[in-house]
C-alpha atoms as a PDB file:
ATOM      1  CA  MET A   1    -110.037-290.244 -48.398  1.00  0.00           C
ATOM      2  CA  LYS A   2    -109.906-286.520 -49.082  1.00  0.00           C
ATOM      3  CA  PHE A   3    -107.362-284.411 -47.222  1.00  0.00           C
ATOM      4  CA  THR A   4    -105.985-280.889 -47.076  1.00  0.00           C
ATOM      5  CA  LYS A   5    -102.378-280.109 -46.233  1.00  0.00           C
ATOM      6  CA  MET A   6    -101.792-276.812 -44.412  1.00  0.00           C
ATOM      7  CA  HIS A   7     -99.053-275.187 -42.396  1.00  0.00           C
ATOM      8  CA  GLY A   8     -98.693-272.597 -39.679  1.00  0.00           C
ATOM      9  CA  ILE A   9     -95.256-271.017 -40.214  1.00  0.00           C
ATOM     10  CA  GLY A  10     -93.825-274.350 -41.325  1.00  0.00           C
ATOM     11  CA  ASN A  11     -95.584-276.595 -38.784  1.00  0.00           C
ATOM     12  CA  ASP A  12     -97.368-278.743 -41.376  1.00  0.00           C
ATOM     13  CA  TYR A  13    -100.209-281.178 -40.831  1.00  0.00           C
ATOM     14  CA  ILE A  14    -102.625-283.233 -42.891  1.00  0.00           C
ATOM     15  CA  TYR A  15    -106.202-282.141 -42.170  1.00  0.00           C
ATOM     16  CA  VAL A  16    -109.240-284.349 -42.670  1.00  0.00           C
ATOM     17  CA  ASN A  17    -112.817-283.037 -42.589  1.00  0.00           C
ATOM     18  CA  CYS A  18    -114.588-285.598 -40.412  1.00  0.00           C
ATOM     19  CA  PHE A  19    -117.963-284.060 -41.206  1.00  0.00           C
ATOM     20  CA  GLU A  20    -117.472-285.917 -44.503  1.00  0.00           C
ATOM     21  CA  GLU A  21    -114.806-288.561 -43.832  1.00  0.00           C
ATOM     22  CA  ASN A  22    -114.499-291.372 -41.294  1.00  0.00           C
ATOM     23  CA  VAL A  23    -110.905-292.024 -40.196  1.00  0.00           C
ATOM     24  CA  ILE A  24    -110.438-295.477 -38.640  1.00  0.00           C
ATOM     25  CA  ASP A  25    -107.275-296.012 -36.552  1.00  0.00           C
ATOM     26  CA  PRO A  26    -106.110-292.371 -36.796  1.00  0.00           C
ATOM     27  CA  GLU A  27    -102.946-293.237 -34.838  1.00  0.00           C
ATOM     28  CA  LYS A  28    -101.806-295.587 -37.613  1.00  0.00           C
ATOM     29  CA  VAL A  29    -103.071-293.300 -40.377  1.00  0.00           C
ATOM     30  CA  SER A  30    -100.955-290.481 -38.970  1.00  0.00           C
ATOM     31  CA  VAL A  31     -97.805-292.634 -39.080  1.00  0.00           C
ATOM     32  CA  ILE A  32     -98.543-293.718 -42.656  1.00  0.00           C
ATOM     33  CA  LEU A  33     -99.385-290.290 -44.061  1.00  0.00           C
ATOM     34  CA  SER A  34     -96.636-288.409 -42.204  1.00  0.00           C
ATOM     35  CA  ASP A  35     -93.908-290.509 -43.835  1.00  0.00           C
ATOM     36  CA  VAL A  36     -92.019-288.273 -46.257  1.00  0.00           C
ATOM     37  CA  ARG A  37     -91.167-291.107 -48.649  1.00  0.00           C
ATOM     38  CA  LYS A  38     -94.115-293.479 -48.537  1.00  0.00           C
ATOM     39  CA  GLY A  39     -96.813-291.054 -47.427  1.00  0.00           C
ATOM     40  CA  ILE A  40     -97.589-287.376 -47.890  1.00  0.00           C
ATOM     41  CA  GLY A  41     -95.071-286.014 -45.414  1.00  0.00           C
ATOM     42  CA  SER A  42     -96.097-283.949 -42.386  1.00  0.00           C
ATOM     43  CA  ASP A  43     -95.707-283.360 -38.664  1.00  0.00           C
ATOM     44  CA  GLY A  44     -98.887-285.363 -38.121  1.00  0.00           C
ATOM     45  CA  LEU A  45    -102.630-285.716 -38.704  1.00  0.00           C
ATOM     46  CA  VAL A  46    -105.436-283.370 -37.621  1.00  0.00           C
ATOM     47  CA  LEU A  47    -109.103-284.370 -37.569  1.00  0.00           C
ATOM     48  CA  ILE A  48    -111.741-281.611 -37.817  1.00  0.00           C
ATOM     49  CA  MET A  49    -114.810-283.001 -36.103  1.00  0.00           C
ATOM     50  CA  PRO A  50    -118.304-282.096 -34.814  1.00  0.00           C
ATOM     51  CA  SER A  51    -118.526-281.021 -31.170  1.00  0.00           C
ATOM     52  CA  ASP A  52    -121.329-280.805 -28.622  1.00  0.00           C
ATOM     53  CA  LYS A  53    -119.321-278.257 -26.611  1.00  0.00           C
ATOM     54  CA  ALA A  54    -118.012-275.860 -29.261  1.00  0.00           C
ATOM     55  CA  ASP A  55    -118.337-274.966 -32.944  1.00  0.00           C
ATOM     56  CA  PHE A  56    -115.787-277.623 -33.886  1.00  0.00           C
ATOM     57  CA  ARG A  57    -113.547-280.243 -32.307  1.00  0.00           C
ATOM     58  CA  MET A  58    -109.896-281.019 -33.042  1.00  0.00           C
ATOM     59  CA  ARG A  59    -107.994-284.258 -32.537  1.00  0.00           C
ATOM     60  CA  ILE A  60    -104.312-284.196 -33.385  1.00  0.00           C
ATOM     61  CA  PHE A  61    -101.857-287.063 -33.823  1.00  0.00           C
ATOM     62  CA  ASN A  62     -98.088-286.767 -34.006  1.00  0.00           C
ATOM     63  CA  ALA A  63     -95.978-288.357 -36.718  1.00  0.00           C
ATOM     64  CA  ASP A  64     -95.271-291.312 -34.417  1.00  0.00           C
ATOM     65  CA  GLY A  65     -98.986-291.963 -33.870  1.00  0.00           C
ATOM     66  CA  SER A  66     -99.207-290.554 -30.343  1.00  0.00           C
ATOM     67  CA  GLU A  67    -102.129-288.235 -29.696  1.00  0.00           C
ATOM     68  CA  ALA A  68    -101.317-284.662 -28.689  1.00  0.00           C
ATOM     69  CA  MET A  69    -103.379-282.557 -26.330  1.00  0.00           C
ATOM     70  CA  MET A  70    -103.154-279.348 -28.340  1.00  0.00           C
ATOM     71  CA  CYS A  71    -101.368-277.529 -31.144  1.00  0.00           C
ATOM     72  CA  GLY A  72    -101.433-273.776 -31.521  1.00  0.00           C
ATOM     73  CA  ASN A  73    -100.446-273.746 -35.179  1.00  0.00           C
ATOM     74  CA  ALA A  74    -103.101-276.341 -36.000  1.00  0.00           C
ATOM     75  CA  THR A  75    -105.808-274.293 -34.273  1.00  0.00           C
ATOM     76  CA  ARG A  76    -105.057-271.364 -36.572  1.00  0.00           C
ATOM     77  CA  CYS A  77    -105.133-273.604 -39.633  1.00  0.00           C
ATOM     78  CA  ILE A  78    -108.487-275.035 -38.562  1.00  0.00           C
ATOM     79  CA  GLY A  79    -109.847-271.492 -38.253  1.00  0.00           C
ATOM     80  CA  LYS A  80    -108.786-270.795 -41.829  1.00  0.00           C
ATOM     81  CA  TYR A  81    -110.145-274.139 -43.053  1.00  0.00           C
ATOM     82  CA  VAL A  82    -113.633-273.938 -41.559  1.00  0.00           C
ATOM     83  CA  TYR A  83    -114.142-270.367 -42.760  1.00  0.00           C
ATOM     84  CA  GLU A  84    -112.794-270.719 -46.282  1.00  0.00           C
ATOM     85  CA  LYS A  85    -114.378-274.143 -46.838  1.00  0.00           C
ATOM     86  CA  GLY A  86    -117.780-272.748 -45.832  1.00  0.00           C
ATOM     87  CA  LEU A  87    -118.241-274.748 -42.614  1.00  0.00           C
ATOM     88  CA  THR A  88    -118.916-271.453 -40.807  1.00  0.00           C
ATOM     89  CA  ASP A  89    -119.406-267.781 -41.611  1.00  0.00           C
ATOM     90  CA  LYS A  90    -118.398-266.635 -38.125  1.00  0.00           C
ATOM     91  CA  THR A  91    -115.130-264.843 -37.436  1.00  0.00           C
ATOM     92  CA  ASP A  92    -115.235-265.745 -33.739  1.00  0.00           C
ATOM     93  CA  VAL A  93    -115.012-269.537 -33.508  1.00  0.00           C
ATOM     94  CA  THR A  94    -114.794-271.944 -30.564  1.00  0.00           C
ATOM     95  CA  LEU A  95    -112.707-275.092 -30.873  1.00  0.00           C
ATOM     96  CA  GLU A  96    -112.814-278.093 -28.543  1.00  0.00           C
ATOM     97  CA  THR A  97    -109.403-279.646 -27.922  1.00  0.00           C
ATOM     98  CA  ASN A  98    -108.100-282.285 -25.540  1.00  0.00           C
ATOM     99  CA  SER A  99    -106.920-279.433 -23.312  1.00  0.00           C
ATOM    100  CA  GLY A 100    -110.187-277.494 -23.297  1.00  0.00           C
ATOM    101  CA  ILE A 101    -112.048-274.944 -25.424  1.00  0.00           C
ATOM    102  CA  LYS A 102    -109.953-272.483 -27.414  1.00  0.00           C
ATOM    103  CA  TYR A 103    -111.303-269.205 -28.762  1.00  0.00           C
ATOM    104  CA  LEU A 104    -110.285-268.133 -32.254  1.00  0.00           C
ATOM    105  CA  ARG A 105    -110.697-264.762 -33.931  1.00  0.00           C
ATOM    106  CA  LEU A 106    -110.327-264.859 -37.700  1.00  0.00           C
ATOM    107  CA  PHE A 107    -109.184-261.891 -39.783  1.00  0.00           C
ATOM    108  CA  PRO A 108    -110.405-262.306 -43.397  1.00  0.00           C
ATOM    109  CA  ASN A 109    -108.861-260.040 -46.017  1.00  0.00           C
ATOM    110  CA  GLU A 110    -110.657-258.173 -48.815  1.00  0.00           C
ATOM    111  CA  ASN A 111    -110.860-261.441 -50.785  1.00  0.00           C
ATOM    112  CA  ASN A 112    -112.481-263.211 -47.811  1.00  0.00           C
ATOM    113  CA  LEU A 113    -109.376-265.320 -47.235  1.00  0.00           C
ATOM    114  CA  VAL A 114    -108.131-265.826 -43.693  1.00  0.00           C
ATOM    115  CA  GLU A 115    -104.418-265.104 -43.497  1.00  0.00           C
ATOM    116  CA  LEU A 116    -104.187-264.283 -39.808  1.00  0.00           C
ATOM    117  CA  VAL A 117    -105.762-265.887 -36.735  1.00  0.00           C
ATOM    118  CA  ARG A 118    -105.611-264.904 -33.062  1.00  0.00           C
ATOM    119  CA  VAL A 119    -106.117-267.645 -30.495  1.00  0.00           C
ATOM    120  CA  ASP A 120    -106.912-267.205 -26.818  1.00  0.00           C
ATOM    121  CA  MET A 121    -104.793-270.082 -25.551  1.00  0.00           C
ATOM    122  CA  GLY A 122    -106.126-269.904 -22.003  1.00  0.00           C
ATOM    123  CA  LYS A 123    -104.067-269.699 -18.843  1.00  0.00           C
ATOM    124  CA  ALA A 124    -100.533-270.981 -18.530  1.00  0.00           C
ATOM    125  CA  ILE A 125    -100.201-273.963 -16.184  1.00  0.00           C
ATOM    126  CA  LEU A 126     -97.207-273.648 -13.875  1.00  0.00           C
ATOM    127  CA  GLU A 127     -97.787-276.271 -11.159  1.00  0.00           C
ATOM    128  CA  PRO A 128     -95.348-279.147 -11.822  1.00  0.00           C
ATOM    129  CA  ALA A 129     -97.910-281.841 -11.004  1.00  0.00           C
ATOM    130  CA  LYS A 130    -100.282-280.481 -13.655  1.00  0.00           C
ATOM    131  CA  ILE A 131     -97.669-280.000 -16.421  1.00  0.00           C
ATOM    132  CA  PRO A 132     -96.605-282.795 -15.492  1.00  0.00           C
ATOM    133  CA  VAL A 133     -93.107-282.703 -14.015  1.00  0.00           C
ATOM    134  CA  ASN A 134     -91.793-285.054 -11.338  1.00  0.00           C
ATOM    135  CA  SER A 135     -91.118-282.332  -8.795  1.00  0.00           C
ATOM    136  CA  ASP A 136     -92.545-281.285  -5.424  1.00  0.00           C
ATOM    137  CA  ALA A 137     -91.690-277.630  -6.042  1.00  0.00           C
ATOM    138  CA  GLU A 138     -94.449-275.008  -6.251  1.00  0.00           C
ATOM    139  CA  ARG A 139     -93.131-273.947  -9.657  1.00  0.00           C
ATOM    140  CA  PHE A 140     -90.323-275.223 -11.884  1.00  0.00           C
ATOM    141  CA  ILE A 141     -88.579-271.998 -12.905  1.00  0.00           C
ATOM    142  CA  SER A 142     -84.905-271.904 -13.941  1.00  0.00           C
ATOM    143  CA  VAL A 143     -84.147-275.159 -12.164  1.00  0.00           C
ATOM    144  CA  PRO A 144     -80.637-276.565 -12.853  1.00  0.00           C
ATOM    145  CA  THR A 145     -81.174-279.992 -14.398  1.00  0.00           C
ATOM    146  CA  GLU A 146     -78.694-282.505 -15.757  1.00  0.00           C
ATOM    147  CA  VAL A 147     -79.520-283.770 -19.244  1.00  0.00           C
ATOM    148  CA  ASP A 148     -77.118-286.118 -21.028  1.00  0.00           C
ATOM    149  CA  GLY A 149     -74.247-285.131 -18.754  1.00  0.00           C
ATOM    150  CA  LYS A 150     -74.734-281.358 -19.022  1.00  0.00           C
ATOM    151  CA  THR A 151     -76.599-278.980 -16.711  1.00  0.00           C
ATOM    152  CA  TYR A 152     -79.336-276.728 -18.110  1.00  0.00           C
ATOM    153  CA  ASP A 153     -81.557-274.198 -16.332  1.00  0.00           C
ATOM    154  CA  ILE A 154     -85.073-275.376 -17.227  1.00  0.00           C
ATOM    155  CA  THR A 155     -88.413-273.602 -16.850  1.00  0.00           C
ATOM    156  CA  CYS A 156     -91.508-275.782 -17.281  1.00  0.00           C
ATOM    157  CA  VAL A 157     -94.876-274.539 -18.522  1.00  0.00           C
ATOM    158  CA  SER A 158     -97.954-276.247 -19.910  1.00  0.00           C
ATOM    159  CA  MET A 159    -100.141-274.616 -22.537  1.00  0.00           C
ATOM    160  CA  GLY A 160    -102.193-277.778 -22.942  1.00  0.00           C
ATOM    161  CA  ASN A 161     -98.963-279.524 -23.943  1.00  0.00           C
ATOM    162  CA  PRO A 162     -95.995-279.813 -21.555  1.00  0.00           C
ATOM    163  CA  HIS A 163     -92.950-277.668 -22.347  1.00  0.00           C
ATOM    164  CA  ALA A 164     -89.423-277.300 -21.005  1.00  0.00           C
ATOM    165  CA  VAL A 165     -87.890-273.934 -21.914  1.00  0.00           C
ATOM    166  CA  VAL A 166     -84.117-273.428 -21.906  1.00  0.00           C
ATOM    167  CA  PHE A 167     -82.516-269.995 -22.382  1.00  0.00           C
ATOM    168  CA  MET A 168     -79.127-270.047 -24.112  1.00  0.00           C
ATOM    169  CA  ASP A 169     -76.594-267.599 -25.536  1.00  0.00           C
ATOM    170  CA  SER A 170     -76.674-269.335 -28.931  1.00  0.00           C
ATOM    171  CA  ILE A 171     -79.067-271.876 -30.491  1.00  0.00           C
ATOM    172  CA  GLU A 172     -78.023-272.109 -34.130  1.00  0.00           C
ATOM    173  CA  ALA A 173     -75.311-274.725 -33.642  1.00  0.00           C
ATOM    174  CA  LEU A 174     -77.358-276.974 -31.348  1.00  0.00           C
ATOM    175  CA  ASP A 175     -77.482-280.629 -32.375  1.00  0.00           C
ATOM    176  CA  LEU A 176     -81.187-281.123 -31.659  1.00  0.00           C
ATOM    177  CA  GLU A 177     -81.193-284.603 -33.164  1.00  0.00           C
ATOM    178  CA  LYS A 178     -78.842-285.607 -30.357  1.00  0.00           C
ATOM    179  CA  ILE A 179     -80.058-283.655 -27.343  1.00  0.00           C
ATOM    180  CA  GLY A 180     -83.762-283.390 -28.243  1.00  0.00           C
ATOM    181  CA  PRO A 181     -84.578-287.029 -27.406  1.00  0.00           C
ATOM    182  CA  CYS A 182     -82.618-286.721 -24.141  1.00  0.00           C
ATOM    183  CA  PHE A 183     -84.932-283.920 -23.010  1.00  0.00           C
ATOM    184  CA  GLU A 184     -88.049-285.572 -24.431  1.00  0.00           C
ATOM    185  CA  ASN A 185     -87.509-288.833 -22.553  1.00  0.00           C
ATOM    186  CA  HIS A 186     -85.937-287.469 -19.357  1.00  0.00           C
ATOM    187  CA  SER A 187     -87.152-289.099 -16.145  1.00  0.00           C
ATOM    188  CA  LEU A 188     -88.482-285.723 -14.950  1.00  0.00           C
ATOM    189  CA  PHE A 189     -91.252-285.869 -17.531  1.00  0.00           C
ATOM    190  CA  PRO A 190     -93.685-288.790 -17.134  1.00  0.00           C
ATOM    191  CA  ASN A 191     -95.541-287.934 -20.368  1.00  0.00           C
ATOM    192  CA  ARG A 192     -92.405-286.873 -22.267  1.00  0.00           C
ATOM    193  CA  ILE A 193     -91.804-283.190 -23.016  1.00  0.00           C
ATOM    194  CA  ASN A 194     -91.546-280.621 -25.793  1.00  0.00           C
ATOM    195  CA  THR A 195     -88.377-278.542 -25.465  1.00  0.00           C
ATOM    196  CA  GLU A 196     -87.801-274.952 -26.576  1.00  0.00           C
ATOM    197  CA  PHE A 197     -84.277-273.556 -26.884  1.00  0.00           C
ATOM    198  CA  ILE A 198     -84.412-269.770 -26.668  1.00  0.00           C
ATOM    199  CA  ARG A 199     -82.000-266.924 -27.380  1.00  0.00           C
ATOM    200  CA  VAL A 200     -83.141-263.600 -25.959  1.00  0.00           C
ATOM    201  CA  ILE A 201     -82.622-260.753 -28.438  1.00  0.00           C
ATOM    202  CA  ASP A 202     -84.319-258.052 -26.338  1.00  0.00           C
ATOM    203  CA  GLU A 203     -87.426-257.704 -24.173  1.00  0.00           C
ATOM    204  CA  HIS A 204     -89.709-257.931 -27.211  1.00  0.00           C
ATOM    205  CA  ASN A 205     -87.889-260.472 -29.406  1.00  0.00           C
ATOM    206  CA  LEU A 206     -86.902-264.105 -28.880  1.00  0.00           C
ATOM    207  CA  ASP A 207     -85.242-266.617 -31.219  1.00  0.00           C
ATOM    208  CA  MET A 208     -86.565-270.160 -30.807  1.00  0.00           C
ATOM    209  CA  ARG A 209     -85.861-273.709 -31.906  1.00  0.00           C
ATOM    210  CA  VAL A 210     -88.109-276.541 -30.807  1.00  0.00           C
ATOM    211  CA  TRP A 211     -87.941-280.295 -30.350  1.00  0.00           C
ATOM    212  CA  GLU A 212     -91.490-281.694 -30.288  1.00  0.00           C
ATOM    213  CA  ARG A 213     -92.255-284.986 -28.620  1.00  0.00           C
ATOM    214  CA  GLY A 214     -93.380-287.476 -31.201  1.00  0.00           C
ATOM    215  CA  SER A 215     -92.228-285.392 -34.179  1.00  0.00           C
ATOM    216  CA  GLY A 216     -88.629-284.228 -33.636  1.00  0.00           C
ATOM    217  CA  GLU A 217     -87.451-280.759 -34.593  1.00  0.00           C
ATOM    218  CA  THR A 218     -90.232-278.804 -36.282  1.00  0.00           C
ATOM    219  CA  PHE A 219     -90.209-275.407 -37.955  1.00  0.00           C
ATOM    220  CA  ALA A 220     -92.708-274.033 -35.443  1.00  0.00           C
ATOM    221  CA  CYS A 221     -94.742-274.847 -32.350  1.00  0.00           C
ATOM    222  CA  GLY A 222     -97.559-272.550 -31.271  1.00  0.00           C
ATOM    223  CA  THR A 223     -97.948-273.839 -27.723  1.00  0.00           C
ATOM    224  CA  GLY A 224     -94.156-273.828 -27.455  1.00  0.00           C
ATOM    225  CA  ALA A 225     -93.985-270.178 -28.486  1.00  0.00           C
ATOM    226  CA  CYS A 226     -96.608-269.372 -25.833  1.00  0.00           C
ATOM    227  CA  ALA A 227     -94.734-271.353 -23.186  1.00  0.00           C
ATOM    228  CA  SER A 228     -91.497-269.588 -24.144  1.00  0.00           C
ATOM    229  CA  ALA A 229     -93.083-266.154 -23.794  1.00  0.00           C
ATOM    230  CA  VAL A 230     -94.447-267.108 -20.379  1.00  0.00           C
ATOM    231  CA  ALA A 231     -91.036-268.447 -19.323  1.00  0.00           C
ATOM    232  CA  ALA A 232     -89.337-265.275 -20.577  1.00  0.00           C
ATOM    233  CA  VAL A 233     -91.635-263.168 -18.389  1.00  0.00           C
ATOM    234  CA  LEU A 234     -91.146-265.433 -15.367  1.00  0.00           C
ATOM    235  CA  ASN A 235     -87.365-265.208 -15.787  1.00  0.00           C
ATOM    236  CA  GLY A 236     -87.397-261.424 -16.137  1.00  0.00           C
ATOM    237  CA  TYR A 237     -86.437-261.182 -19.804  1.00  0.00           C
ATOM    238  CA  CYS A 238     -89.807-259.803 -20.987  1.00  0.00           C
ATOM    239  CA  LYS A 239     -92.885-258.087 -19.500  1.00  0.00           C
ATOM    240  CA  ARG A 240     -96.522-259.020 -19.082  1.00  0.00           C
ATOM    241  CA  ASP A 241     -99.145-257.328 -21.274  1.00  0.00           C
ATOM    242  CA  GLU A 242     -96.510-256.470 -23.884  1.00  0.00           C
ATOM    243  CA  GLU A 243     -96.330-258.249 -27.227  1.00  0.00           C
ATOM    244  CA  ILE A 244     -93.374-260.574 -27.692  1.00  0.00           C
ATOM    245  CA  LEU A 245     -92.298-261.507 -31.199  1.00  0.00           C
ATOM    246  CA  ILE A 246     -91.098-265.109 -31.347  1.00  0.00           C
ATOM    247  CA  HIS A 247     -88.815-265.835 -34.300  1.00  0.00           C
ATOM    248  CA  LEU A 248     -89.114-269.517 -35.266  1.00  0.00           C
ATOM    249  CA  ARG A 249     -87.490-271.343 -38.156  1.00  0.00           C
ATOM    250  CA  GLY A 250     -90.755-271.213 -40.119  1.00  0.00           C
ATOM    251  CA  GLY A 251     -91.720-267.616 -39.345  1.00  0.00           C
ATOM    252  CA  ASP A 252     -92.895-265.343 -36.550  1.00  0.00           C
ATOM    253  CA  LEU A 253     -95.629-265.519 -33.918  1.00  0.00           C
ATOM    254  CA  ARG A 254     -96.880-262.665 -31.740  1.00  0.00           C
ATOM    255  CA  ILE A 255     -97.485-263.667 -28.129  1.00  0.00           C
ATOM    256  CA  THR A 256     -98.865-261.667 -25.195  1.00  0.00           C
ATOM    257  CA  TYR A 257     -98.808-263.020 -21.643  1.00  0.00           C
ATOM    258  CA  GLN A 258    -101.530-261.030 -19.917  1.00  0.00           C
ATOM    259  CA  SER A 259    -101.890-259.990 -16.291  1.00  0.00           C
ATOM    260  CA  ASP A 260    -104.827-262.383 -15.845  1.00  0.00           C
ATOM    261  CA  GLU A 261    -102.459-265.268 -16.764  1.00  0.00           C
ATOM    262  CA  THR A 262    -104.064-265.889 -20.171  1.00  0.00           C
ATOM    263  CA  VAL A 263    -101.916-266.068 -23.302  1.00  0.00           C
ATOM    264  CA  LEU A 264    -102.843-264.664 -26.718  1.00  0.00           C
ATOM    265  CA  MET A 265    -101.189-266.016 -29.870  1.00  0.00           C
ATOM    266  CA  THR A 266    -101.477-264.335 -33.272  1.00  0.00           C
ATOM    267  CA  GLY A 267    -100.037-265.749 -36.475  1.00  0.00           C
ATOM    268  CA  PRO A 268    -100.637-266.847 -40.052  1.00  0.00           C
ATOM    269  CA  ALA A 269    -102.130-269.999 -41.545  1.00  0.00           C
ATOM    270  CA  ALA A 270    -101.622-271.228 -45.112  1.00  0.00           C
ATOM    271  CA  PHE A 271    -103.077-273.817 -47.472  1.00  0.00           C
ATOM    272  CA  ILE A 272    -100.621-276.062 -49.305  1.00  0.00           C
ATOM    273  CA  CYS A 273    -102.851-278.426 -51.277  1.00  0.00           C
ATOM    274  CA  ASP A 274    -105.978-280.566 -51.409  1.00  0.00           C
ATOM    275  CA  GLY A 275    -105.760-284.217 -52.398  1.00  0.00           C
ATOM    276  CA  THR A 276    -106.980-287.767 -52.010  1.00  0.00           C
ATOM    277  CA  VAL A 277    -105.371-290.873 -50.527  1.00  0.00           C
ATOM    278  CA  ASP A 278    -106.147-294.395 -51.700  1.00  0.00           C
ATOM    279  CA  ASP A 279    -108.065-296.219 -48.950  1.00  0.00           C
ATOM    280  CA  LYS A 280    -106.619-299.588 -49.925  1.00  0.00           C
ATOM    281  CA  TYR A 281    -103.078-298.256 -49.636  1.00  0.00           C
ATOM    282  CA  ILE A 282    -103.797-297.077 -46.088  1.00  0.00           C
ATOM    283  CA  GLU A 283    -105.405-300.376 -45.055  1.00  0.00           C
ATOM    284  CA  ASP A 284    -102.535-302.426 -46.490  1.00  0.00           C
ATOM    285  CA  ALA A 285     -99.925-300.183 -44.849  1.00  0.00           C
ATOM    286  CA  LYS A 286    -101.585-300.473 -41.410  1.00  0.00           C
ATOM    287  CA  GLU A 287    -100.357-304.059 -41.093  1.00  0.00           C
ATOM    288  CA  ASN A 288     -96.761-302.874 -40.681  1.00  0.00           C
ATOM    289  CA  VAL A 289     -97.369-299.836 -38.476  1.00  0.00           C
ATOM    290  CA  VAL A 290     -96.329-299.633 -34.828  1.00  0.00           C
ATOM    291  CA  CYS A 291     -97.548-296.538 -32.986  1.00  0.00           C
ATOM    292  CA  ARG A 292     -96.228-294.896 -29.872  1.00  0.00           C
ATOM    293  CA  SER A 293     -99.044-294.579 -27.368  1.00  0.00           C
END
């Protein structure tokens, strides 16, 4: 099986062109290939597929085999892939995801390489039932919540994936390996949750660390950066219609939360390598794989 490894500011996935390849049991394949010692090593597996609703379709699987609804960094990488691999010559591309159609604008450079992609991520979802959050409130904004014996003010937003955003004075010393799973599996969140820990620098700059459900701490999360910008506006730290620079461990993303509730994300995408994986190795390894549904 042929694959391409790419990353969006450190959020790395294995991409498979399903116009040419047929991936059976992608949940198990994601677990196998994401393993850093016995596989390729990644945050998960992304399938680039035909669509009857858009130019292309994306399915994305976390490192634990669970299927994600969306991934902002992966959408940018797909934009780069389909353009540079000759699957399209358009610079405005539509992408079907499990959370709806996303609209990508590609910015090729003078060498016809796409280094920057802007994604219209759609409208932020704020109703707890739709995120989902186990709450009867109209919105879940800065709600004091006990997690592992400590109280945090949590703001919940969905950008196709559910996010809990926590604003803190300092995030560098956080032990995410300890507290991340406590947020992810909290009883408030029936489908588990991605959690962003944010330090506000000023009204145009935020520092962010993220714990992603199914993957652990990652260097970046596009939907998480969008959710954090929305939460920052809702909590009065930033303003609508003004660009917010999100500083993640893997790099920066530019986010704008517009007056019409839509969110624009602009950031880079990068190739790492192309390669092949032995089919027999994958089939043999499947026997010992347990996925999280």
